[in-house]
All heavy atoms as atom14 arrays in JSON, in Angstrom:
{
  "sequence": "MYFRKATPSQSLIHALKYRGQEAIGTWLAKRVVKQLQEQHLFESVT",
  "atom14_mask": [
    [1, 1, 1, 1, 1, 1, 1, 1, 0, 0, 0, 0, 0, 0],
    [1, 1, 1, 1, 1, 1, 1, 1, 1, 1, 1, 1, 0, 0],
    [1, 1, 1, 1, 1, 1, 1, 1, 1, 1, 1, 0, 0, 0],
    [1, 1, 1, 1, 1, 1, 1, 1, 1, 1, 1, 0, 0, 0],
    [1, 1, 1, 1, 1, 1, 1, 1, 1, 0, 0, 0, 0, 0],
    [1, 1, 1, 1, 1, 0, 0, 0, 0, 0, 0, 0, 0, 0],
    [1, 1, 1, 1, 1, 1, 1, 0, 0, 0, 0, 0, 0, 0],
    [1, 1, 1, 1, 1, 1, 1, 0, 0, 0, 0, 0, 0, 0],
    [1, 1, 1, 1, 1, 1, 0, 0, 0, 0, 0, 0, 0, 0],
    [1, 1, 1, 1, 1, 1, 1, 1, 1, 0, 0, 0, 0, 0],
    [1, 1, 1, 1, 1, 1, 0, 0, 0, 0, 0, 0, 0, 0],
    [1, 1, 1, 1, 1, 1, 1, 1, 0, 0, 0, 0, 0, 0],
    [1, 1, 1, 1, 1, 1, 1, 1, 0, 0, 0, 0, 0, 0],
    [1, 1, 1, 1, 1, 1, 1, 1, 1, 1, 0, 0, 0, 0],
    [1, 1, 1, 1, 1, 0, 0, 0, 0, 0, 0, 0, 0, 0],
    [1, 1, 1, 1, 1, 1, 1, 1, 0, 0, 0, 0, 0, 0],
    [1, 1, 1, 1, 1, 1, 1, 1, 1, 0, 0, 0, 0, 0],
    [1, 1, 1, 1, 1, 1, 1, 1, 1, 1, 1, 1, 0, 0],
    [1, 1, 1, 1, 1, 1, 1, 1, 1, 1, 1, 0, 0, 0],
    [1, 1, 1, 1, 0, 0, 0, 0, 0, 0, 0, 0, 0, 0],
    [1, 1, 1, 1, 1, 1, 1, 1, 1, 0, 0, 0, 0, 0],
    [1, 1, 1, 1, 1, 1, 1, 1, 1, 0, 0, 0, 0, 0],
    [1, 1, 1, 1, 1, 0, 0, 0, 0, 0, 0, 0, 0, 0],
    [1, 1, 1, 1, 1, 1, 1, 1, 0, 0, 0, 0, 0, 0],
    [1, 1, 1, 1, 0, 0, 0, 0, 0, 0, 0, 0, 0, 0],
    [1, 1, 1, 1, 1, 1, 1, 0, 0, 0, 0, 0, 0, 0],
    [1, 1, 1, 1, 1, 1, 1, 1, 1, 1, 1, 1, 1, 1],
    [1, 1, 1, 1, 1, 1, 1, 1, 0, 0, 0, 0, 0, 0],
    [1, 1, 1, 1, 1, 0, 0, 0, 0, 0, 0, 0, 0, 0],
    [1, 1, 1, 1, 1, 1, 1, 1, 1, 0, 0, 0, 0, 0],
    [1, 1, 1, 1, 1, 1, 1, 1, 1, 1, 1, 0, 0, 0],
    [1, 1, 1, 1, 1, 1, 1, 0, 0, 0, 0, 0, 0, 0],
    [1, 1, 1, 1, 1, 1, 1, 0, 0, 0, 0, 0, 0, 0],
    [1, 1, 1, 1, 1, 1, 1, 1, 1, 0, 0, 0, 0, 0],
    [1, 1, 1, 1, 1, 1, 1, 1, 1, 0, 0, 0, 0, 0],
    [1, 1, 1, 1, 1, 1, 1, 1, 0, 0, 0, 0, 0, 0],
    [1, 1, 1, 1, 1, 1, 1, 1, 1, 0, 0, 0, 0, 0],
    [1, 1, 1, 1, 1, 1, 1, 1, 1, 0, 0, 0, 0, 0],
    [1, 1, 1, 1, 1, 1, 1, 1, 1, 0, 0, 0, 0, 0],
    [1, 1, 1, 1, 1, 1, 1, 1, 1, 1, 0, 0, 0, 0],
    [1, 1, 1, 1, 1, 1, 1, 1, 0, 0, 0, 0, 0, 0],
    [1, 1, 1, 1, 1, 1, 1, 1, 1, 1, 1, 0, 0, 0],
    [1, 1, 1, 1, 1, 1, 1, 1, 1, 0, 0, 0, 0, 0],
    [1, 1, 1, 1, 1, 1, 0, 0, 0, 0, 0, 0, 0, 0],
    [1, 1, 1, 1, 1, 1, 1, 0, 0, 0, 0, 0, 0, 0],
    [1, 1, 1, 1, 1, 1, 1, 0, 0, 0, 0, 0, 0, 0]
  ],
  "atom14_positions": [
    [[-57.55, 96.17, 82.01], [-58.5, 96.53, 81.09], [-58.35, 97.99, 80.96], [-57.88, 98.62, 81.84], [-59.91, 95.96, 81.5], [-60.33, 96.5, 82.81], [-61.79, 95.68, 83.34], [-61.86, 96.15, 84.95], [0.0, 0.0, 0.0], [0.0, 0.0, 0.0], [0.0, 0.0, 0.0], [0.0, 0.0, 0.0], [0.0, 0.0, 0.0], [0.0, 0.0, 0.0]],
    [[-59.13, 98.51, 79.92], [-59.34, 99.88, 79.75], [-60.52, 100.4, 80.63], [-61.5, 99.49, 80.67], [-59.53, 100.34, 78.35], [-58.22, 100.27, 77.52], [-58.23, 99.37, 76.4], [-57.16, 101.27, 77.66], [-56.9, 99.37, 75.61], [-56.09, 101.24, 76.97], [-55.9, 100.29, 75.89], [-54.9, 100.32, 75.09], [0.0, 0.0, 0.0], [0.0, 0.0, 0.0]],
    [[-60.41, 101.54, 81.17], [-61.62, 102.15, 81.85], [-62.19, 103.23, 81.07], [-61.47, 104.21, 80.89], [-61.14, 102.54, 83.31], [-62.22, 103.08, 84.15], [-62.87, 102.21, 84.95], [-62.57, 104.5, 84.17], [-63.93, 102.69, 85.72], [-63.54, 104.97, 84.88], [-64.23, 104.08, 85.78], [0.0, 0.0, 0.0], [0.0, 0.0, 0.0], [0.0, 0.0, 0.0]],
    [[-63.42, 103.01, 80.72], [-64.16, 104.1, 79.92], [-65.46, 104.14, 80.41], [-66.09, 103.23, 80.97], [-64.11, 103.88, 78.55], [-62.74, 103.87, 77.66], [-63.09, 103.68, 76.27], [-61.74, 103.92, 75.52], [-60.87, 102.96, 75.09], [-61.29, 101.72, 75.32], [-59.77, 103.26, 74.47], [0.0, 0.0, 0.0], [0.0, 0.0, 0.0], [0.0, 0.0, 0.0]],
    [[-66.05, 105.38, 80.34], [-67.4, 105.7, 80.92], [-68.41, 104.72, 80.01], [-68.26, 104.52, 78.92], [-67.85, 107.12, 80.78], [-67.03, 107.9, 81.6], [-67.48, 109.49, 81.55], [-66.66, 110.17, 82.55], [-67.1, 111.6, 82.81], [0.0, 0.0, 0.0], [0.0, 0.0, 0.0], [0.0, 0.0, 0.0], [0.0, 0.0, 0.0], [0.0, 0.0, 0.0]],
    [[-69.54, 104.28, 80.72], [-70.56, 103.59, 80.18], [-70.18, 102.31, 79.5], [-70.62, 101.96, 78.49], [-71.28, 104.67, 79.13], [0.0, 0.0, 0.0], [0.0, 0.0, 0.0], [0.0, 0.0, 0.0], [0.0, 0.0, 0.0], [0.0, 0.0, 0.0], [0.0, 0.0, 0.0], [0.0, 0.0, 0.0], [0.0, 0.0, 0.0], [0.0, 0.0, 0.0]],
    [[-69.16, 101.66, 80.14], [-68.69, 100.29, 79.51], [-68.73, 99.27, 80.72], [-68.99, 99.52, 81.89], [-67.3, 100.39, 79.06], [-66.41, 100.74, 80.32], [-67.09, 101.49, 78.02], [0.0, 0.0, 0.0], [0.0, 0.0, 0.0], [0.0, 0.0, 0.0], [0.0, 0.0, 0.0], [0.0, 0.0, 0.0], [0.0, 0.0, 0.0], [0.0, 0.0, 0.0]],
    [[-68.58, 98.01, 80.47], [-68.61, 97.02, 81.44], [-67.42, 97.27, 82.5], [-67.57, 96.96, 83.62], [-68.34, 95.78, 80.66], [-68.92, 96.04, 79.34], [-68.63, 97.35, 79.0], [0.0, 0.0, 0.0], [0.0, 0.0, 0.0], [0.0, 0.0, 0.0], [0.0, 0.0, 0.0], [0.0, 0.0, 0.0], [0.0, 0.0, 0.0], [0.0, 0.0, 0.0]],
    [[-66.35, 97.81, 81.97], [-65.18, 97.99, 82.92], [-65.65, 99.07, 84.03], [-65.31, 98.84, 85.25], [-63.97, 98.48, 82.2], [-64.11, 99.68, 81.52], [0.0, 0.0, 0.0], [0.0, 0.0, 0.0], [0.0, 0.0, 0.0], [0.0, 0.0, 0.0], [0.0, 0.0, 0.0], [0.0, 0.0, 0.0], [0.0, 0.0, 0.0], [0.0, 0.0, 0.0]],
    [[-66.29, 100.07, 83.66], [-66.81, 101.03, 84.63], [-67.82, 100.25, 85.62], [-67.78, 100.62, 86.69], [-67.41, 102.27, 83.87], [-67.96, 103.34, 84.93], [-68.68, 104.46, 84.3], [-69.41, 104.25, 83.37], [-68.43, 105.58, 84.95], [0.0, 0.0, 0.0], [0.0, 0.0, 0.0], [0.0, 0.0, 0.0], [0.0, 0.0, 0.0], [0.0, 0.0, 0.0]],
    [[-68.63, 99.6, 85.02], [-69.64, 98.89, 85.93], [-68.94, 97.94, 86.95], [-69.24, 98.07, 88.16], [-70.69, 98.06, 85.13], [-71.26, 98.93, 84.18], [0.0, 0.0, 0.0], [0.0, 0.0, 0.0], [0.0, 0.0, 0.0], [0.0, 0.0, 0.0], [0.0, 0.0, 0.0], [0.0, 0.0, 0.0], [0.0, 0.0, 0.0], [0.0, 0.0, 0.0]],
    [[-67.86, 97.23, 86.59], [-67.17, 96.33, 87.49], [-66.47, 97.25, 88.49], [-66.44, 96.93, 89.77], [-66.11, 95.62, 86.61], [-66.48, 94.44, 86.05], [-65.39, 93.8, 85.12], [-66.92, 93.3, 87.02], [0.0, 0.0, 0.0], [0.0, 0.0, 0.0], [0.0, 0.0, 0.0], [0.0, 0.0, 0.0], [0.0, 0.0, 0.0], [0.0, 0.0, 0.0]],
    [[-65.7, 98.26, 88.06], [-65.06, 99.07, 89.09], [-65.97, 99.69, 90.0], [-65.74, 99.84, 91.26], [-64.03, 100.02, 88.48], [-63.08, 99.16, 87.51], [-63.35, 101.02, 89.43], [-62.07, 98.42, 88.34], [0.0, 0.0, 0.0], [0.0, 0.0, 0.0], [0.0, 0.0, 0.0], [0.0, 0.0, 0.0], [0.0, 0.0, 0.0], [0.0, 0.0, 0.0]],
    [[-67.09, 100.31, 89.56], [-67.94, 100.98, 90.52], [-68.68, 99.93, 91.42], [-68.96, 100.32, 92.62], [-69.02, 101.82, 89.52], [-68.5, 103.14, 89.08], [-69.1, 104.11, 88.54], [-67.14, 103.46, 88.96], [-68.45, 104.99, 88.15], [-67.28, 104.79, 88.5], [0.0, 0.0, 0.0], [0.0, 0.0, 0.0], [0.0, 0.0, 0.0], [0.0, 0.0, 0.0]],
    [[-68.97, 98.84, 90.92], [-69.57, 97.87, 91.86], [-68.65, 97.39, 92.95], [-69.0, 97.35, 94.08], [-70.09, 96.6, 91.01], [0.0, 0.0, 0.0], [0.0, 0.0, 0.0], [0.0, 0.0, 0.0], [0.0, 0.0, 0.0], [0.0, 0.0, 0.0], [0.0, 0.0, 0.0], [0.0, 0.0, 0.0], [0.0, 0.0, 0.0], [0.0, 0.0, 0.0]],
    [[-67.31, 97.27, 92.61], [-66.34, 97.02, 93.53], [-66.17, 98.2, 94.58], [-66.18, 97.9, 95.85], [-65.02, 96.76, 92.8], [-63.78, 96.76, 93.73], [-63.82, 95.38, 94.53], [-62.43, 96.63, 92.8], [0.0, 0.0, 0.0], [0.0, 0.0, 0.0], [0.0, 0.0, 0.0], [0.0, 0.0, 0.0], [0.0, 0.0, 0.0], [0.0, 0.0, 0.0]],
    [[-66.0, 99.34, 94.21], [-65.88, 100.5, 94.9], [-66.95, 101.06, 95.8], [-67.01, 101.31, 96.93], [-65.23, 101.71, 94.15], [-63.81, 101.47, 93.69], [-63.49, 102.6, 92.86], [-62.98, 103.74, 93.62], [-62.23, 104.78, 92.86], [0.0, 0.0, 0.0], [0.0, 0.0, 0.0], [0.0, 0.0, 0.0], [0.0, 0.0, 0.0], [0.0, 0.0, 0.0]],
    [[-68.16, 101.05, 95.12], [-69.25, 101.67, 95.69], [-70.53, 100.87, 95.98], [-71.37, 101.23, 96.64], [-69.77, 102.86, 94.71], [-68.59, 103.76, 94.27], [-68.33, 103.93, 92.91], [-68.01, 104.49, 95.21], [-67.29, 104.74, 92.57], [-66.92, 105.32, 94.84], [-66.65, 105.5, 93.43], [-65.55, 106.23, 93.02], [0.0, 0.0, 0.0], [0.0, 0.0, 0.0]],
    [[-70.47, 99.72, 95.59], [-71.61, 98.78, 95.91], [-71.29, 97.41, 96.77], [-71.98, 96.53, 96.73], [-72.38, 98.41, 94.59], [-73.03, 99.64, 93.9], [-74.05, 99.19, 92.85], [-73.36, 98.88, 91.61], [-72.8, 99.69, 90.73], [-72.86, 100.94, 90.95], [-72.37, 99.27, 89.66], [0.0, 0.0, 0.0], [0.0, 0.0, 0.0], [0.0, 0.0, 0.0]],
    [[-70.19, 97.59, 97.39], [-69.78, 96.52, 98.28], [-69.43, 95.2, 97.69], [-69.6, 94.18, 98.51], [0.0, 0.0, 0.0], [0.0, 0.0, 0.0], [0.0, 0.0, 0.0], [0.0, 0.0, 0.0], [0.0, 0.0, 0.0], [0.0, 0.0, 0.0], [0.0, 0.0, 0.0], [0.0, 0.0, 0.0], [0.0, 0.0, 0.0], [0.0, 0.0, 0.0]],
    [[-69.17, 95.21, 96.54], [-68.96, 93.91, 95.92], [-67.37, 93.49, 95.81], [-66.76, 93.52, 94.77], [-69.56, 93.81, 94.35], [-71.05, 93.91, 94.56], [-71.72, 93.77, 93.27], [-71.17, 93.17, 92.3], [-72.88, 94.18, 93.06], [0.0, 0.0, 0.0], [0.0, 0.0, 0.0], [0.0, 0.0, 0.0], [0.0, 0.0, 0.0], [0.0, 0.0, 0.0]],
    [[-66.79, 93.24, 97.02], [-65.36, 93.0, 97.12], [-64.96, 91.74, 96.33], [-63.81, 91.8, 95.86], [-65.04, 92.66, 98.59], [-65.07, 93.92, 99.58], [-64.74, 93.51, 100.95], [-63.49, 93.48, 101.16], [-65.55, 93.26, 101.72], [0.0, 0.0, 0.0], [0.0, 0.0, 0.0], [0.0, 0.0, 0.0], [0.0, 0.0, 0.0], [0.0, 0.0, 0.0]],
    [[-65.8, 90.79, 96.1], [-65.45, 89.58, 95.37], [-64.92, 89.93, 93.82], [-64.16, 89.16, 93.24], [-66.62, 88.57, 95.27], [0.0, 0.0, 0.0], [0.0, 0.0, 0.0], [0.0, 0.0, 0.0], [0.0, 0.0, 0.0], [0.0, 0.0, 0.0], [0.0, 0.0, 0.0], [0.0, 0.0, 0.0], [0.0, 0.0, 0.0], [0.0, 0.0, 0.0]],
    [[-65.39, 91.14, 93.37], [-64.9, 91.48, 92.11], [-63.34, 91.59, 92.01], [-62.73, 91.19, 91.03], [-65.55, 92.82, 91.57], [-67.01, 92.45, 91.4], [-64.82, 93.36, 90.3], [-67.89, 93.69, 91.15], [0.0, 0.0, 0.0], [0.0, 0.0, 0.0], [0.0, 0.0, 0.0], [0.0, 0.0, 0.0], [0.0, 0.0, 0.0], [0.0, 0.0, 0.0]],
    [[-62.86, 92.12, 93.2], [-61.22, 92.27, 93.18], [-60.62, 90.86, 92.97], [-59.57, 90.76, 92.35], [0.0, 0.0, 0.0], [0.0, 0.0, 0.0], [0.0, 0.0, 0.0], [0.0, 0.0, 0.0], [0.0, 0.0, 0.0], [0.0, 0.0, 0.0], [0.0, 0.0, 0.0], [0.0, 0.0, 0.0], [0.0, 0.0, 0.0], [0.0, 0.0, 0.0]],
    [[-61.2, 89.79, 93.69], [-60.65, 88.51, 93.57], [-60.81, 87.97, 92.15], [-59.92, 87.51, 91.45], [-61.32, 87.51, 94.5], [-61.16, 87.96, 95.84], [-60.78, 86.11, 94.46], [0.0, 0.0, 0.0], [0.0, 0.0, 0.0], [0.0, 0.0, 0.0], [0.0, 0.0, 0.0], [0.0, 0.0, 0.0], [0.0, 0.0, 0.0], [0.0, 0.0, 0.0]],
    [[-62.01, 88.21, 91.52], [-62.23, 87.78, 90.21], [-61.3, 88.4, 89.31], [-60.68, 87.71, 88.29], [-63.84, 88.11, 89.9], [-64.19, 87.64, 88.6], [-64.76, 86.36, 88.18], [-64.33, 88.48, 87.38], [-65.06, 86.41, 86.88], [-64.92, 87.68, 86.39], [-63.88, 89.79, 87.03], [-65.04, 88.13, 85.09], [-64.07, 90.14, 85.77], [-64.65, 89.47, 84.75]],
    [[-61.11, 89.74, 89.42], [-60.09, 90.41, 88.5], [-58.7, 89.88, 88.66], [-58.02, 89.67, 87.71], [-60.25, 91.93, 88.57], [-61.47, 92.68, 88.06], [-61.5, 94.0, 88.67], [-61.4, 92.53, 86.63], [0.0, 0.0, 0.0], [0.0, 0.0, 0.0], [0.0, 0.0, 0.0], [0.0, 0.0, 0.0], [0.0, 0.0, 0.0], [0.0, 0.0, 0.0]],
    [[-58.28, 89.68, 89.87], [-56.96, 89.26, 90.23], [-56.63, 87.91, 89.49], [-55.65, 87.71, 88.98], [-56.63, 89.16, 91.71], [0.0, 0.0, 0.0], [0.0, 0.0, 0.0], [0.0, 0.0, 0.0], [0.0, 0.0, 0.0], [0.0, 0.0, 0.0], [0.0, 0.0, 0.0], [0.0, 0.0, 0.0], [0.0, 0.0, 0.0], [0.0, 0.0, 0.0]],
    [[-57.6, 87.06, 89.56], [-57.33, 85.62, 88.93], [-57.2, 85.74, 87.38], [-56.48, 85.02, 86.86], [-58.61, 84.83, 89.17], [-58.58, 84.33, 90.68], [-59.86, 83.49, 90.89], [-60.02, 83.09, 92.39], [-61.05, 82.32, 92.66], [0.0, 0.0, 0.0], [0.0, 0.0, 0.0], [0.0, 0.0, 0.0], [0.0, 0.0, 0.0], [0.0, 0.0, 0.0]],
    [[-57.83, 86.73, 86.83], [-57.51, 86.97, 85.33], [-56.29, 87.61, 85.09], [-55.61, 87.25, 84.23], [-58.75, 87.8, 84.68], [-59.87, 86.99, 84.4], [-61.19, 87.38, 84.87], [-62.21, 86.42, 84.77], [-62.43, 85.51, 85.62], [-61.78, 85.48, 86.79], [-63.48, 84.65, 85.52], [0.0, 0.0, 0.0], [0.0, 0.0, 0.0], [0.0, 0.0, 0.0]],
    [[-55.79, 88.61, 86.08], [-54.63, 89.22, 85.86], [-53.47, 88.22, 86.17], [-52.43, 88.32, 85.46], [-54.44, 90.39, 86.88], [-53.01, 91.01, 87.03], [-55.44, 91.47, 86.57], [0.0, 0.0, 0.0], [0.0, 0.0, 0.0], [0.0, 0.0, 0.0], [0.0, 0.0, 0.0], [0.0, 0.0, 0.0], [0.0, 0.0, 0.0], [0.0, 0.0, 0.0]],
    [[-53.63, 87.35, 87.11], [-52.55, 86.32, 87.36], [-52.26, 85.58, 86.1], [-51.08, 85.18, 85.85], [-52.98, 85.4, 88.63], [-52.15, 84.06, 88.6], [-52.83, 86.14, 89.8], [0.0, 0.0, 0.0], [0.0, 0.0, 0.0], [0.0, 0.0, 0.0], [0.0, 0.0, 0.0], [0.0, 0.0, 0.0], [0.0, 0.0, 0.0], [0.0, 0.0, 0.0]],
    [[-53.25, 85.05, 85.49], [-52.95, 84.34, 84.2], [-52.14, 85.1, 83.08], [-51.17, 84.62, 82.57], [-54.33, 84.02, 83.56], [-54.26, 83.03, 82.46], [-55.7, 82.69, 81.95], [-55.54, 81.65, 80.76], [-56.87, 81.15, 80.35], [0.0, 0.0, 0.0], [0.0, 0.0, 0.0], [0.0, 0.0, 0.0], [0.0, 0.0, 0.0], [0.0, 0.0, 0.0]],
    [[-52.47, 86.46, 83.06], [-51.82, 87.32, 82.11], [-50.33, 87.52, 82.51], [-49.39, 87.41, 81.74], [-52.49, 88.63, 81.98], [-51.9, 89.74, 81.22], [-52.57, 91.11, 81.37], [-53.33, 91.31, 82.28], [-52.53, 91.79, 80.25], [0.0, 0.0, 0.0], [0.0, 0.0, 0.0], [0.0, 0.0, 0.0], [0.0, 0.0, 0.0], [0.0, 0.0, 0.0]],
    [[-50.2, 87.72, 83.8], [-48.85, 87.88, 84.52], [-47.85, 86.76, 84.21], [-46.73, 86.85, 83.85], [-48.82, 88.29, 85.91], [-49.51, 89.51, 86.34], [-49.55, 89.73, 87.81], [-49.16, 90.7, 85.58], [0.0, 0.0, 0.0], [0.0, 0.0, 0.0], [0.0, 0.0, 0.0], [0.0, 0.0, 0.0], [0.0, 0.0, 0.0], [0.0, 0.0, 0.0]],
    [[-48.41, 85.46, 84.42], [-47.73, 84.28, 84.29], [-47.3, 84.06, 82.88], [-46.18, 83.64, 82.51], [-48.51, 83.05, 84.84], [-48.7, 83.21, 86.32], [-49.51, 82.19, 86.86], [-50.46, 81.73, 86.26], [-49.24, 81.73, 88.2], [0.0, 0.0, 0.0], [0.0, 0.0, 0.0], [0.0, 0.0, 0.0], [0.0, 0.0, 0.0], [0.0, 0.0, 0.0]],
    [[-48.17, 84.36, 81.91], [-47.82, 84.25, 80.36], [-46.83, 85.14, 80.06], [-46.0, 84.86, 79.18], [-49.17, 84.45, 79.72], [-50.25, 83.37, 79.71], [-51.5, 83.79, 79.16], [-51.73, 84.84, 78.48], [-52.49, 82.93, 79.1], [0.0, 0.0, 0.0], [0.0, 0.0, 0.0], [0.0, 0.0, 0.0], [0.0, 0.0, 0.0], [0.0, 0.0, 0.0]],
    [[-46.83, 86.39, 80.64], [-45.91, 87.39, 80.08], [-44.73, 87.53, 81.09], [-43.72, 88.3, 80.95], [-46.46, 88.74, 80.06], [-47.59, 88.75, 79.15], [-48.47, 90.08, 79.2], [-47.99, 91.05, 79.9], [-49.55, 90.19, 78.45], [0.0, 0.0, 0.0], [0.0, 0.0, 0.0], [0.0, 0.0, 0.0], [0.0, 0.0, 0.0], [0.0, 0.0, 0.0]],
    [[-44.56, 86.68, 82.2], [-43.41, 86.56, 83.11], [-43.24, 87.92, 83.75], [-42.06, 88.34, 83.93], [-42.24, 86.06, 82.4], [-42.35, 84.77, 81.83], [-42.33, 83.61, 82.58], [-42.61, 84.3, 80.53], [-42.53, 82.54, 81.76], [-42.67, 83.05, 80.49], [0.0, 0.0, 0.0], [0.0, 0.0, 0.0], [0.0, 0.0, 0.0], [0.0, 0.0, 0.0]],
    [[-44.31, 88.71, 84.19], [-44.16, 89.99, 84.72], [-44.01, 89.82, 86.17], [-44.61, 88.8, 86.95], [-45.34, 90.73, 84.49], [-45.52, 91.27, 83.1], [-46.9, 91.95, 82.81], [-44.49, 92.25, 82.63], [0.0, 0.0, 0.0], [0.0, 0.0, 0.0], [0.0, 0.0, 0.0], [0.0, 0.0, 0.0], [0.0, 0.0, 0.0], [0.0, 0.0, 0.0]],
    [[-43.42, 90.72, 86.83], [-43.28, 90.95, 88.31], [-42.57, 89.68, 88.97], [-42.75, 89.54, 90.28], [-44.62, 91.13, 88.95], [-45.43, 92.22, 88.25], [-46.73, 92.09, 87.87], [-44.76, 93.51, 88.06], [-47.44, 93.03, 87.28], [-45.59, 94.51, 87.47], [-46.83, 94.34, 86.94], [0.0, 0.0, 0.0], [0.0, 0.0, 0.0], [0.0, 0.0, 0.0]],
    [[-41.76, 89.04, 88.33], [-41.09, 87.73, 88.96], [-40.13, 88.2, 90.01], [-39.71, 87.4, 90.9], [-40.51, 86.93, 87.8], [-41.56, 86.33, 86.99], [-40.99, 85.41, 85.87], [-39.82, 85.68, 85.46], [-41.67, 84.54, 85.43], [0.0, 0.0, 0.0], [0.0, 0.0, 0.0], [0.0, 0.0, 0.0], [0.0, 0.0, 0.0], [0.0, 0.0, 0.0]],
    [[-39.54, 89.39, 89.95], [-38.45, 89.73, 90.97], [-39.02, 90.58, 92.07], [-38.31, 91.08, 92.89], [-37.24, 90.44, 90.18], [-37.82, 91.81, 89.76], [0.0, 0.0, 0.0], [0.0, 0.0, 0.0], [0.0, 0.0, 0.0], [0.0, 0.0, 0.0], [0.0, 0.0, 0.0], [0.0, 0.0, 0.0], [0.0, 0.0, 0.0], [0.0, 0.0, 0.0]],
    [[-40.35, 90.66, 92.16], [-40.95, 91.54, 93.32], [-40.82, 90.92, 94.59], [-40.88, 89.55, 94.78], [-42.61, 91.7, 92.86], [-43.47, 92.02, 94.03], [-42.75, 92.62, 91.75], [0.0, 0.0, 0.0], [0.0, 0.0, 0.0], [0.0, 0.0, 0.0], [0.0, 0.0, 0.0], [0.0, 0.0, 0.0], [0.0, 0.0, 0.0], [0.0, 0.0, 0.0]],
    [[-40.63, 91.66, 95.69], [-40.36, 91.08, 96.9], [-41.61, 91.28, 97.88], [-41.58, 90.8, 98.95], [-39.01, 91.7, 97.5], [-39.14, 93.13, 97.61], [-37.69, 91.14, 96.82], [0.0, 0.0, 0.0], [0.0, 0.0, 0.0], [0.0, 0.0, 0.0], [0.0, 0.0, 0.0], [0.0, 0.0, 0.0], [0.0, 0.0, 0.0], [0.0, 0.0, 0.0]]
  ]
}
């Protein structure tokens, strides 16, 4: 996602980094995984 001030993306990242909400990392990863699989990205990563 794009990161801009005063947006939901800023709220998510700040909650993850500064308010102890580690679960946001897992939540975001699950969304990224879907995107990566659709676009066949990082398939040769070791």
